């Protein structure tokens, strides 16, 4: 198993064993991370990256909206 697979397994385990409150925090952290990456892509003129990270942020926000 390479390190990427270990990391992916760790993340899956972390998500599957986390409380609802912790999952919400993780989603907010992800939205902030991807928003920052979208801003960086905009500043670089990377349209593909911009769309990718805006979509990821949007997906997280939609998921959070379902929890309300």
C-alpha atoms as a PDB file:
ATOM      1  CA  UNK A   1       0.000   0.000   0.000  1.00  0.00           C
ATOM      2  CA  UNK A   2       1.398   3.392  -0.901  1.00  0.00           C
ATOM      3  CA  UNK A   3       1.136   6.467   1.337  1.00  0.00           C
ATOM      4  CA  UNK A   4      -1.770   7.907  -0.661  1.00  0.00           C
ATOM      5  CA  UNK A   5      -3.851   4.805  -0.049  1.00  0.00           C
ATOM      6  CA  UNK A   6      -3.009   4.937   3.678  1.00  0.00           C
ATOM      7  CA  UNK A   7      -4.087   8.559   3.792  1.00  0.00           C
ATOM      8  CA  UNK A   8      -7.339   7.806   1.967  1.00  0.00           C
ATOM      9  CA  UNK A   9      -8.110   4.922   4.337  1.00  0.00           C
ATOM     10  CA  UNK A  10      -7.324   7.135   7.332  1.00  0.00           C
ATOM     11  CA  UNK A  11      -9.716   9.820   6.048  1.00  0.00           C
ATOM     12  CA  UNK A  12     -12.489   7.261   5.455  1.00  0.00           C
ATOM     13  CA  UNK A  13     -12.024   5.904   8.986  1.00  0.00           C
ATOM     14  CA  UNK A  14     -11.994   9.405  10.437  1.00  0.00           C
ATOM     15  CA  UNK A  15     -15.237  10.288   8.672  1.00  0.00           C
ATOM     16  CA  UNK A  16     -17.010   7.041   9.526  1.00  0.00           C
ATOM     17  CA  UNK A  17     -16.187   7.330  13.240  1.00  0.00           C
ATOM     18  CA  UNK A  18     -16.760  11.076  13.723  1.00  0.00           C
ATOM     19  CA  UNK A  19     -19.676  12.664  15.519  1.00  0.00           C
ATOM     20  CA  UNK A  20     -22.171  14.766  13.591  1.00  0.00           C
ATOM     21  CA  UNK A  21     -20.670  17.948  15.049  1.00  0.00           C
ATOM     22  CA  UNK A  22     -17.167  16.961  13.970  1.00  0.00           C
ATOM     23  CA  UNK A  23     -18.419  16.119  10.466  1.00  0.00           C
ATOM     24  CA  UNK A  24     -19.953  19.586  10.157  1.00  0.00           C
ATOM     25  CA  UNK A  25     -16.666  21.173  11.233  1.00  0.00           C
ATOM     26  CA  UNK A  26     -14.776  19.042   8.695  1.00  0.00           C
ATOM     27  CA  UNK A  27     -17.171  20.196   5.982  1.00  0.00           C
ATOM     28  CA  UNK A  28     -16.666  23.854   6.914  1.00  0.00           C
ATOM     29  CA  UNK A  29     -12.902  23.321   6.875  1.00  0.00           C
ATOM     30  CA  UNK A  30     -13.169  21.762   3.417  1.00  0.00           C
ATOM     31  CA  UNK A  31     -15.289  24.639   2.127  1.00  0.00           C
ATOM     32  CA  UNK A  32     -12.755  27.166   3.414  1.00  0.00           C
ATOM     33  CA  UNK A  33      -9.872  25.187   1.897  1.00  0.00           C
ATOM     34  CA  UNK A  34     -11.505  24.912  -1.528  1.00  0.00           C
ATOM     35  CA  UNK A  35     -12.616  28.560  -1.470  1.00  0.00           C
ATOM     36  CA  UNK A  36      -9.016  29.572  -0.833  1.00  0.00           C
ATOM     37  CA  UNK A  37      -7.843  27.343  -3.652  1.00  0.00           C
ATOM     38  CA  UNK A  38     -10.474  28.888  -5.968  1.00  0.00           C
ATOM     39  CA  UNK A  39      -9.229  32.386  -5.095  1.00  0.00           C
ATOM     40  CA  UNK A  40      -5.652  31.319  -5.817  1.00  0.00           C
ATOM     41  CA  UNK A  41      -6.759  29.877  -9.162  1.00  0.00           C
ATOM     42  CA  UNK A  42      -8.553  33.122 -10.019  1.00  0.00           C
ATOM     43  CA  UNK A  43      -5.421  35.112  -9.197  1.00  0.00           C
ATOM     44  CA  UNK A  44      -3.335  32.824 -11.439  1.00  0.00           C
ATOM     45  CA  UNK A  45      -5.850  32.982 -14.276  1.00  0.00           C
ATOM     46  CA  UNK A  46      -6.419  29.226 -14.006  1.00  0.00           C
ATOM     47  CA  UNK A  47     -10.021  28.970 -15.223  1.00  0.00           C
ATOM     48  CA  UNK A  48     -10.124  25.162 -14.951  1.00  0.00           C
ATOM     49  CA  UNK A  49      -8.873  25.219 -11.364  1.00  0.00           C
ATOM     50  CA  UNK A  50     -11.236  28.049 -10.536  1.00  0.00           C
ATOM     51  CA  UNK A  51     -14.246  26.054 -11.731  1.00  0.00           C
ATOM     52  CA  UNK A  52     -13.059  22.871 -10.048  1.00  0.00           C
ATOM     53  CA  UNK A  53     -12.640  24.446  -6.613  1.00  0.00           C
ATOM     54  CA  UNK A  54     -15.780  26.556  -6.817  1.00  0.00           C
ATOM     55  CA  UNK A  55     -17.728  23.374  -7.644  1.00  0.00           C
ATOM     56  CA  UNK A  56     -16.168  21.534  -4.697  1.00  0.00           C
ATOM     57  CA  UNK A  57     -17.082  24.422  -2.381  1.00  0.00           C
ATOM     58  CA  UNK A  58     -20.594  24.483  -3.819  1.00  0.00           C
ATOM     59  CA  UNK A  59     -21.010  20.727  -3.262  1.00  0.00           C
ATOM     60  CA  UNK A  60     -20.004  21.067   0.390  1.00  0.00           C
ATOM     61  CA  UNK A  61     -22.349  24.009   0.939  1.00  0.00           C
ATOM     62  CA  UNK A  62     -25.200  22.026  -0.640  1.00  0.00           C
ATOM     63  CA  UNK A  63     -24.463  19.106   1.663  1.00  0.00           C
ATOM     64  CA  UNK A  64     -24.438  21.414   4.691  1.00  0.00           C
ATOM     65  CA  UNK A  65     -27.751  22.873   3.573  1.00  0.00           C
ATOM     66  CA  UNK A  66     -29.298  19.379   3.749  1.00  0.00           C
ATOM     67  CA  UNK A  67     -28.351  19.163   7.429  1.00  0.00           C
ATOM     68  CA  UNK A  68     -30.317  22.290   8.384  1.00  0.00           C
END
